[in-house]
Amino acid sequence: MEDAPVIQFGRAERSGPQTIHNDALVITAILANYEVGCIFIDFGSSADILFGEAYDQMQLGDISLEKVNTSLYGFAGEIVHPRGMVSLPLTMGRGTTRKTCLLKFLMVDVPSAYNVILGRPMLNTFQAVISTYHMKIKFPTLGGVGEVQGDPLQSRRCYVEAVLKGKKWSVEEAPDQIPPSKKGKTPEGENSGEAEGLAKVQPAEELLNIEIIPENPDKTTRIGSHLDEEAKKEIILCLQRNADIFAWNPQDLEGIDP
């Protein structure tokens, strides 16, 4: 029985001085006979994910999707419901060290700078070892050790796009906070100005200006107008007694370097 190929990352494979970086490991591979870029290697992901925009461009059709009842949970706890699951062949490597495995992808319809996220299922199936420092994946094949080199430029482009998409998504998400009956139309009995105001953030209550230093009307703060008179008096007295802790300009921040 032949020994399995030994996978190593070392100094010998460096073409020049290696610099410390924080780039994500992003690669290009062959997925279902398509050359797909912007593939993010995420060993923290418990699923291999194919994003809807890339799936639709591959024109595989919904007929190849299996229904799934599982949900995905994001970093911030948000829940994503997949459109379905699809089995596709993934090929990595070149020449005699090329390797192809059939993987199950969860297909999700959410904005993403990436086309695919490959997680622990892919790494285990390929028996792959990754090094984010060397920006490389290595895996055993019948012809030796296969490898895929990450693309730092593509990684940084994806990062910038992810930031831009995140900002756009947060802006577009705001209308979802409007009740369904208020979306896309002006309800009866309301003018368009009132309906438009529904999407705007309104203060919880009116605020009252109070003078912290009575002889200086420019030094004020605000408190809620719904407080009862006794609480209002106590708060105002407390603020005025501690007027010296307020900083009205940078010079008042003693002991802090400009």
C-alpha atoms as a PDB file:
ATOM      1  CA  MET A   1       0.000   0.000   0.000  1.00  0.00           C
ATOM      2  CA  GLU A   2       1.442   3.365  -1.071  1.00  0.00           C
ATOM      3  CA  ASP A   3       1.874   6.167   1.415  1.00  0.00           C
ATOM      4  CA  ALA A   4      -0.493   9.117   1.111  1.00  0.00           C
ATOM      5  CA  PRO A   5       1.019  12.332  -0.282  1.00  0.00           C
ATOM      6  CA  VAL A   6       2.476  14.586   2.401  1.00  0.00           C
ATOM      7  CA  ILE A   7       1.005  18.082   2.463  1.00  0.00           C
ATOM      8  CA  GLN A   8       3.433  20.778   3.511  1.00  0.00           C
ATOM      9  CA  PHE A   9       3.525  24.563   3.605  1.00  0.00           C
ATOM     10  CA  GLY A  10       7.037  25.883   3.927  1.00  0.00           C
ATOM     11  CA  ARG A  11       9.685  28.386   2.994  1.00  0.00           C
ATOM     12  CA  ALA A  12      10.604  26.540  -0.193  1.00  0.00           C
ATOM     13  CA  GLU A  13       7.367  27.493  -1.915  1.00  0.00           C
ATOM     14  CA  ARG A  14       7.780  31.211  -1.324  1.00  0.00           C
ATOM     15  CA  SER A  15       8.786  33.153  -4.408  1.00  0.00           C
ATOM     16  CA  GLY A  16       9.813  36.209  -2.416  1.00  0.00           C
ATOM     17  CA  PRO A  17       9.517  37.931   0.949  1.00  0.00           C
ATOM     18  CA  GLN A  18       6.182  37.061   2.573  1.00  0.00           C
ATOM     19  CA  THR A  19       4.296  39.999   4.068  1.00  0.00           C
ATOM     20  CA  ILE A  20       1.785  39.784   6.880  1.00  0.00           C
ATOM     21  CA  HIS A  21      -1.747  40.343   5.596  1.00  0.00           C
ATOM     22  CA  ASN A  22      -5.365  39.920   6.650  1.00  0.00           C
ATOM     23  CA  ASP A  23      -6.790  39.069   3.226  1.00  0.00           C
ATOM     24  CA  ALA A  24      -9.537  36.459   3.004  1.00  0.00           C
ATOM     25  CA  LEU A  25      -8.723  33.303   1.052  1.00  0.00           C
ATOM     26  CA  VAL A  26     -10.555  33.767  -2.249  1.00  0.00           C
ATOM     27  CA  ILE A  27     -10.004  31.388  -5.167  1.00  0.00           C
ATOM     28  CA  THR A  28     -11.217  30.465  -8.654  1.00  0.00           C
ATOM     29  CA  ALA A  29     -12.359  26.888  -9.396  1.00  0.00           C
ATOM     30  CA  ILE A  30     -14.461  24.881 -11.840  1.00  0.00           C
ATOM     31  CA  LEU A  31     -18.056  24.403 -10.675  1.00  0.00           C
ATOM     32  CA  ALA A  32     -20.376  22.321 -12.897  1.00  0.00           C
ATOM     33  CA  ASN A  33     -18.093  23.029 -15.898  1.00  0.00           C
ATOM     34  CA  TYR A  34     -18.164  26.796 -15.232  1.00  0.00           C
ATOM     35  CA  GLU A  35     -15.048  28.699 -14.216  1.00  0.00           C
ATOM     36  CA  VAL A  36     -16.240  30.519 -11.117  1.00  0.00           C
ATOM     37  CA  GLY A  37     -14.288  33.256  -9.361  1.00  0.00           C
ATOM     38  CA  CYS A  38     -14.906  35.024  -6.053  1.00  0.00           C
ATOM     39  CA  ILE A  39     -15.087  31.743  -4.101  1.00  0.00           C
ATOM     40  CA  PHE A  40     -14.560  32.459  -0.413  1.00  0.00           C
ATOM     41  CA  ILE A  41     -12.953  29.713   1.679  1.00  0.00           C
ATOM     42  CA  ASP A  42     -14.578  29.935   5.112  1.00  0.00           C
ATOM     43  CA  PHE A  43     -13.616  27.128   7.494  1.00  0.00           C
ATOM     44  CA  GLY A  44     -16.052  28.640   9.995  1.00  0.00           C
ATOM     45  CA  SER A  45     -19.023  27.798   7.768  1.00  0.00           C
ATOM     46  CA  SER A  46     -20.902  24.574   8.431  1.00  0.00           C
ATOM     47  CA  ALA A  47     -22.308  24.549   4.876  1.00  0.00           C
ATOM     48  CA  ASP A  48     -21.183  25.054   1.301  1.00  0.00           C
ATOM     49  CA  ILE A  49     -23.209  27.944  -0.091  1.00  0.00           C
ATOM     50  CA  LEU A  50     -24.029  28.981  -3.657  1.00  0.00           C
ATOM     51  CA  PHE A  51     -25.524  32.441  -4.030  1.00  0.00           C
ATOM     52  CA  GLY A  52     -28.622  32.956  -6.147  1.00  0.00           C
ATOM     53  CA  GLU A  53     -27.114  35.445  -8.605  1.00  0.00           C
ATOM     54  CA  ALA A  54     -24.333  33.027  -9.560  1.00  0.00           C
ATOM     55  CA  TYR A  55     -26.738  30.059  -9.669  1.00  0.00           C
ATOM     56  CA  ASP A  56     -29.094  31.891 -12.036  1.00  0.00           C
ATOM     57  CA  GLN A  57     -26.203  32.833 -14.335  1.00  0.00           C
ATOM     58  CA  MET A  58     -25.276  29.147 -14.572  1.00  0.00           C
ATOM     59  CA  GLN A  59     -28.803  28.506 -15.932  1.00  0.00           C
ATOM     60  CA  LEU A  60     -29.211  25.217 -14.081  1.00  0.00           C
ATOM     61  CA  GLY A  61     -32.892  25.853 -13.383  1.00  0.00           C
ATOM     62  CA  ASP A  62     -34.935  25.249 -10.251  1.00  0.00           C
ATOM     63  CA  ILE A  63     -35.663  21.700 -11.413  1.00  0.00           C
ATOM     64  CA  SER A  64     -32.275  20.601 -10.047  1.00  0.00           C
ATOM     65  CA  LEU A  65     -32.989  22.055  -6.588  1.00  0.00           C
ATOM     66  CA  GLU A  66     -33.965  19.832  -3.691  1.00  0.00           C
ATOM     67  CA  LYS A  67     -36.279  21.297  -1.072  1.00  0.00           C
ATOM     68  CA  VAL A  68     -34.729  21.813   2.349  1.00  0.00           C
ATOM     69  CA  ASN A  69     -36.273  22.719   5.690  1.00  0.00           C
ATOM     70  CA  THR A  70     -33.085  23.975   7.287  1.00  0.00           C
ATOM     71  CA  SER A  71     -32.170  27.619   7.916  1.00  0.00           C
ATOM     72  CA  LEU A  72     -28.825  29.402   7.970  1.00  0.00           C
ATOM     73  CA  TYR A  73     -27.792  31.673  10.815  1.00  0.00           C
ATOM     74  CA  GLY A  74     -25.449  34.561  10.069  1.00  0.00           C
ATOM     75  CA  PHE A  75     -22.765  36.178  12.196  1.00  0.00           C
ATOM     76  CA  ALA A  76     -25.253  38.622  13.755  1.00  0.00           C
ATOM     77  CA  GLY A  77     -27.916  35.955  14.286  1.00  0.00           C
ATOM     78  CA  GLU A  78     -29.919  36.800  11.181  1.00  0.00           C
ATOM     79  CA  ILE A  79     -31.849  33.903   9.645  1.00  0.00           C
ATOM     80  CA  VAL A  80     -31.626  33.040   5.933  1.00  0.00           C
ATOM     81  CA  HIS A  81     -33.970  30.505   4.340  1.00  0.00           C
ATOM     82  CA  PRO A  82     -32.330  28.680   1.386  1.00  0.00           C
ATOM     83  CA  ARG A  83     -34.189  28.347  -1.891  1.00  0.00           C
ATOM     84  CA  GLY A  84     -33.042  24.748  -1.975  1.00  0.00           C
ATOM     85  CA  MET A  85     -30.083  22.375  -2.170  1.00  0.00           C
ATOM     86  CA  VAL A  86     -28.218  21.368  -5.309  1.00  0.00           C
ATOM     87  CA  SER A  87     -25.480  18.763  -5.912  1.00  0.00           C
ATOM     88  CA  LEU A  88     -22.707  20.017  -8.197  1.00  0.00           C
ATOM     89  CA  PRO A  89     -19.203  18.801  -9.092  1.00  0.00           C
ATOM     90  CA  LEU A  90     -16.356  21.036  -7.928  1.00  0.00           C
ATOM     91  CA  THR A  91     -12.928  20.718  -9.555  1.00  0.00           C
ATOM     92  CA  MET A  92      -9.744  22.160  -8.077  1.00  0.00           C
ATOM     93  CA  GLY A  93      -6.110  21.825  -9.065  1.00  0.00           C
ATOM     94  CA  ARG A  94      -4.385  21.390 -12.422  1.00  0.00           C
ATOM     95  CA  GLY A  95      -3.004  18.629 -14.597  1.00  0.00           C
ATOM     96  CA  THR A  96      -2.329  15.301 -12.905  1.00  0.00           C
ATOM     97  CA  THR A  97      -3.158  16.749  -9.460  1.00  0.00           C
ATOM     98  CA  ARG A  98      -6.649  17.897 -10.406  1.00  0.00           C
ATOM     99  CA  LYS A  99      -9.421  16.628  -8.149  1.00  0.00           C
ATOM    100  CA  THR A 100     -13.201  16.600  -8.598  1.00  0.00           C
ATOM    101  CA  CYS A 101     -15.758  15.925  -5.870  1.00  0.00           C
ATOM    102  CA  LEU A 102     -19.533  16.131  -5.773  1.00  0.00           C
ATOM    103  CA  LEU A 103     -20.692  18.650  -3.181  1.00  0.00           C
ATOM    104  CA  LYS A 104     -24.089  19.637  -1.841  1.00  0.00           C
ATOM    105  CA  PHE A 105     -24.664  23.406  -1.944  1.00  0.00           C
ATOM    106  CA  LEU A 106     -27.341  25.384  -0.167  1.00  0.00           C
ATOM    107  CA  MET A 107     -28.610  27.997  -2.621  1.00  0.00           C
ATOM    108  CA  VAL A 108     -29.576  31.306  -0.997  1.00  0.00           C
ATOM    109  CA  ASP A 109     -30.998  34.513  -2.416  1.00  0.00           C
ATOM    110  CA  VAL A 110     -29.147  37.221  -0.505  1.00  0.00           C
ATOM    111  CA  PRO A 111     -26.803  39.968  -1.752  1.00  0.00           C
ATOM    112  CA  SER A 112     -23.166  38.906  -1.622  1.00  0.00           C
ATOM    113  CA  ALA A 113     -19.830  39.973  -3.041  1.00  0.00           C
ATOM    114  CA  TYR A 114     -18.994  36.269  -3.400  1.00  0.00           C
ATOM    115  CA  ASN A 115     -20.388  33.696  -5.794  1.00  0.00           C
ATOM    116  CA  VAL A 116     -19.717  30.723  -3.531  1.00  0.00           C
ATOM    117  CA  ILE A 117     -18.707  30.080   0.072  1.00  0.00           C
ATOM    118  CA  LEU A 118     -16.871  26.810   0.627  1.00  0.00           C
ATOM    119  CA  GLY A 119     -16.966  25.659   4.226  1.00  0.00           C
ATOM    120  CA  ARG A 120     -16.053  22.624   6.285  1.00  0.00           C
ATOM    121  CA  PRO A 121     -18.026  20.125   4.110  1.00  0.00           C
ATOM    122  CA  MET A 122     -15.783  20.907   1.122  1.00  0.00           C
ATOM    123  CA  LEU A 123     -12.610  20.844   3.203  1.00  0.00           C
ATOM    124  CA  ASN A 124     -13.520  17.449   4.643  1.00  0.00           C
ATOM    125  CA  THR A 125     -14.569  16.002   1.276  1.00  0.00           C
ATOM    126  CA  PHE A 126     -11.341  17.103  -0.410  1.00  0.00           C
ATOM    127  CA  GLN A 127      -9.294  16.311   2.719  1.00  0.00           C
ATOM    128  CA  ALA A 128      -7.946  19.795   2.191  1.00  0.00           C
ATOM    129  CA  VAL A 129      -5.574  21.826   4.321  1.00  0.00           C
ATOM    130  CA  ILE A 130      -5.588  25.603   4.051  1.00  0.00           C
ATOM    131  CA  SER A 131      -3.108  28.321   4.940  1.00  0.00           C
ATOM    132  CA  THR A 132      -4.431  31.867   4.951  1.00  0.00           C
ATOM    133  CA  TYR A 133      -0.844  33.064   5.484  1.00  0.00           C
ATOM    134  CA  HIS A 134       0.325  31.427   2.251  1.00  0.00           C
ATOM    135  CA  MET A 135      -3.077  32.091   0.568  1.00  0.00           C
ATOM    136  CA  LYS A 136      -3.214  28.466  -0.545  1.00  0.00           C
ATOM    137  CA  ILE A 137      -5.229  25.244  -0.332  1.00  0.00           C
ATOM    138  CA  LYS A 138      -3.598  21.811  -0.621  1.00  0.00           C
ATOM    139  CA  PHE A 139      -5.240  18.400  -0.888  1.00  0.00           C
ATOM    140  CA  PRO A 140      -4.144  14.826  -1.693  1.00  0.00           C
ATOM    141  CA  THR A 141      -4.815  13.335  -5.143  1.00  0.00           C
ATOM    142  CA  LEU A 142      -3.804  10.117  -6.914  1.00  0.00           C
ATOM    143  CA  GLY A 143      -1.167  12.090  -8.815  1.00  0.00           C
ATOM    144  CA  GLY A 144       0.338  13.830  -5.814  1.00  0.00           C
ATOM    145  CA  VAL A 145      -0.529  16.944  -3.844  1.00  0.00           C
ATOM    146  CA  GLY A 146      -2.970  19.278  -5.565  1.00  0.00           C
ATOM    147  CA  GLU A 147      -3.089  22.943  -4.733  1.00  0.00           C
ATOM    148  CA  VAL A 148      -4.988  26.142  -5.470  1.00  0.00           C
ATOM    149  CA  GLN A 149      -3.434  29.553  -4.983  1.00  0.00           C
ATOM    150  CA  GLY A 150      -5.587  32.345  -3.547  1.00  0.00           C
ATOM    151  CA  ASP A 151      -5.926  35.660  -5.365  1.00  0.00           C
ATOM    152  CA  PRO A 152      -5.144  38.663  -3.075  1.00  0.00           C
ATOM    153  CA  LEU A 153      -6.378  41.207  -5.638  1.00  0.00           C
ATOM    154  CA  GLN A 154      -9.680  39.391  -6.078  1.00  0.00           C
ATOM    155  CA  SER A 155      -9.967  39.078  -2.296  1.00  0.00           C
ATOM    156  CA  ARG A 156      -9.608  42.833  -1.801  1.00  0.00           C
ATOM    157  CA  ARG A 157     -12.079  43.602  -4.599  1.00  0.00           C
ATOM    158  CA  CYS A 158     -14.614  41.297  -2.989  1.00  0.00           C
ATOM    159  CA  TYR A 159     -14.057  42.980   0.360  1.00  0.00           C
ATOM    160  CA  VAL A 160     -14.715  46.444  -1.089  1.00  0.00           C
ATOM    161  CA  GLU A 161     -17.812  45.183  -2.894  1.00  0.00           C
ATOM    162  CA  ALA A 162     -19.064  43.525   0.301  1.00  0.00           C
ATOM    163  CA  VAL A 163     -18.768  46.818   2.177  1.00  0.00           C
ATOM    164  CA  LEU A 164     -20.622  48.692  -0.576  1.00  0.00           C
ATOM    165  CA  LYS A 165     -23.344  46.043  -0.794  1.00  0.00           C
ATOM    166  CA  GLY A 166     -23.704  46.076   2.973  1.00  0.00           C
ATOM    167  CA  LYS A 167     -24.344  49.831   2.966  1.00  0.00           C
ATOM    168  CA  LYS A 168     -26.810  49.549   0.056  1.00  0.00           C
ATOM    169  CA  TRP A 169     -28.605  46.636   1.725  1.00  0.00           C
ATOM    170  CA  SER A 170     -29.002  48.526   5.015  1.00  0.00           C
ATOM    171  CA  VAL A 171     -30.477  51.520   3.157  1.00  0.00           C
ATOM    172  CA  GLU A 172     -32.856  49.406   1.082  1.00  0.00           C
ATOM    173  CA  GLU A 173     -33.927  47.480   4.175  1.00  0.00           C
ATOM    174  CA  ALA A 174     -35.420  50.558   5.837  1.00  0.00           C
ATOM    175  CA  PRO A 175     -38.769  50.459   3.923  1.00  0.00           C
ATOM    176  CA  ASP A 176     -39.368  46.996   5.366  1.00  0.00           C
ATOM    177  CA  GLN A 177     -39.983  48.685   8.688  1.00  0.00           C
ATOM    178  CA  ILE A 178     -43.122  50.318   7.246  1.00  0.00           C
ATOM    179  CA  PRO A 179     -46.309  48.310   7.858  1.00  0.00           C
ATOM    180  CA  PRO A 180     -47.444  46.387   4.729  1.00  0.00           C
ATOM    181  CA  SER A 181     -50.599  48.507   4.484  1.00  0.00           C
ATOM    182  CA  LYS A 182     -48.451  51.628   4.139  1.00  0.00           C
ATOM    183  CA  LYS A 183     -46.086  50.381   1.400  1.00  0.00           C
ATOM    184  CA  GLY A 184     -46.373  51.641  -2.158  1.00  0.00           C
ATOM    185  CA  LYS A 185     -49.600  53.587  -1.672  1.00  0.00           C
ATOM    186  CA  THR A 186     -51.171  56.444   0.200  1.00  0.00           C
ATOM    187  CA  PRO A 187     -53.791  55.136   2.632  1.00  0.00           C
ATOM    188  CA  GLU A 188     -57.218  56.683   2.518  1.00  0.00           C
ATOM    189  CA  GLY A 189     -57.555  59.729   4.702  1.00  0.00           C
ATOM    190  CA  GLU A 190     -53.806  60.457   4.577  1.00  0.00           C
ATOM    191  CA  ASN A 191     -52.014  62.788   2.240  1.00  0.00           C
ATOM    192  CA  SER A 192     -48.775  61.814   0.568  1.00  0.00           C
ATOM    193  CA  GLY A 193     -46.740  63.927   2.987  1.00  0.00           C
ATOM    194  CA  GLU A 194     -48.126  62.023   5.972  1.00  0.00           C
ATOM    195  CA  ALA A 195     -47.506  58.661   4.298  1.00  0.00           C
ATOM    196  CA  GLU A 196     -43.957  59.677   3.451  1.00  0.00           C
ATOM    197  CA  GLY A 197     -43.377  60.610   7.075  1.00  0.00           C
ATOM    198  CA  LEU A 198     -44.095  57.031   8.161  1.00  0.00           C
ATOM    199  CA  ALA A 199     -40.702  55.954   6.874  1.00  0.00           C
ATOM    200  CA  LYS A 200     -38.883  58.568   8.918  1.00  0.00           C
ATOM    201  CA  VAL A 201     -37.640  58.091  12.447  1.00  0.00           C
ATOM    202  CA  GLN A 202     -39.684  60.115  14.906  1.00  0.00           C
ATOM    203  CA  PRO A 203     -38.604  61.142  18.429  1.00  0.00           C
ATOM    204  CA  ALA A 204     -40.220  59.179  21.224  1.00  0.00           C
ATOM    205  CA  GLU A 205     -41.343  62.414  22.881  1.00  0.00           C
ATOM    206  CA  GLU A 206     -40.769  66.151  22.819  1.00  0.00           C
ATOM    207  CA  LEU A 207     -37.674  67.370  24.662  1.00  0.00           C
ATOM    208  CA  LEU A 208     -37.303  70.374  26.949  1.00  0.00           C
ATOM    209  CA  ASN A 209     -34.245  72.630  26.950  1.00  0.00           C
ATOM    210  CA  ILE A 210     -32.921  73.337  30.441  1.00  0.00           C
ATOM    211  CA  GLU A 211     -30.114  75.649  31.518  1.00  0.00           C
ATOM    212  CA  ILE A 212     -27.279  73.863  33.274  1.00  0.00           C
ATOM    213  CA  ILE A 213     -25.737  77.175  34.328  1.00  0.00           C
ATOM    214  CA  PRO A 214     -28.581  79.660  34.897  1.00  0.00           C
ATOM    215  CA  GLU A 215     -26.425  82.743  34.221  1.00  0.00           C
ATOM    216  CA  ASN A 216     -25.236  81.244  30.916  1.00  0.00           C
ATOM    217  CA  PRO A 217     -28.188  80.456  28.584  1.00  0.00           C
ATOM    218  CA  ASP A 218     -25.853  78.964  25.962  1.00  0.00           C
ATOM    219  CA  LYS A 219     -24.968  76.012  28.203  1.00  0.00           C
ATOM    220  CA  THR A 220     -28.061  73.822  28.023  1.00  0.00           C
ATOM    221  CA  THR A 221     -29.111  70.223  27.723  1.00  0.00           C
ATOM    222  CA  ARG A 222     -32.446  68.490  27.122  1.00  0.00           C
ATOM    223  CA  ILE A 223     -34.688  66.197  29.136  1.00  0.00           C
ATOM    224  CA  GLY A 224     -37.923  64.404  28.354  1.00  0.00           C
ATOM    225  CA  SER A 225     -41.148  66.403  28.503  1.00  0.00           C
ATOM    226  CA  HIS A 226     -43.229  63.474  29.837  1.00  0.00           C
ATOM    227  CA  LEU A 227     -41.531  63.441  33.227  1.00  0.00           C
ATOM    228  CA  ASP A 228     -43.670  64.312  36.217  1.00  0.00           C
ATOM    229  CA  GLU A 229     -42.907  67.640  37.875  1.00  0.00           C
ATOM    230  CA  GLU A 230     -41.172  66.158  40.917  1.00  0.00           C
ATOM    231  CA  ALA A 231     -38.810  63.994  38.797  1.00  0.00           C
ATOM    232  CA  LYS A 232     -38.168  66.916  36.477  1.00  0.00           C
ATOM    233  CA  LYS A 233     -37.106  69.167  39.359  1.00  0.00           C
ATOM    234  CA  GLU A 234     -34.797  66.501  40.831  1.00  0.00           C
ATOM    235  CA  ILE A 235     -33.098  65.891  37.483  1.00  0.00           C
ATOM    236  CA  ILE A 236     -32.588  69.609  36.827  1.00  0.00           C
ATOM    237  CA  LEU A 237     -31.119  70.164  40.306  1.00  0.00           C
ATOM    238  CA  CYS A 238     -28.820  67.150  39.881  1.00  0.00           C
ATOM    239  CA  LEU A 239     -27.551  68.428  36.515  1.00  0.00           C
ATOM    240  CA  GLN A 240     -26.992  71.952  37.852  1.00  0.00           C
ATOM    241  CA  ARG A 241     -25.137  70.653  40.929  1.00  0.00           C
ATOM    242  CA  ASN A 242     -22.791  68.714  38.638  1.00  0.00           C
ATOM    243  CA  ALA A 243     -22.378  71.382  35.965  1.00  0.00           C
ATOM    244  CA  ASP A 244     -18.597  71.171  36.318  1.00  0.00           C
ATOM    245  CA  ILE A 245     -18.459  67.712  34.707  1.00  0.00           C
ATOM    246  CA  PHE A 246     -19.860  68.969  31.384  1.00  0.00           C
ATOM    247  CA  ALA A 247     -17.387  69.685  28.567  1.00  0.00           C
ATOM    248  CA  TRP A 248     -18.586  72.520  26.361  1.00  0.00           C
ATOM    249  CA  ASN A 249     -15.471  72.764  24.190  1.00  0.00           C
ATOM    250  CA  PRO A 250     -12.206  70.820  23.702  1.00  0.00           C
ATOM    251  CA  GLN A 251     -10.394  73.040  26.212  1.00  0.00           C
ATOM    252  CA  ASP A 252     -12.690  71.699  28.952  1.00  0.00           C
ATOM    253  CA  LEU A 253     -11.325  68.167  28.480  1.00  0.00           C
ATOM    254  CA  GLU A 254      -8.472  68.505  30.948  1.00  0.00           C
ATOM    255  CA  GLY A 255      -5.743  65.886  30.897  1.00  0.00           C
ATOM    256  CA  ILE A 256      -6.555  64.668  27.373  1.00  0.00           C
ATOM    257  CA  ASP A 257      -3.992  65.225  24.629  1.00  0.00           C
ATOM    258  CA  PRO A 258      -5.442  67.381  21.807  1.00  0.00           C
END
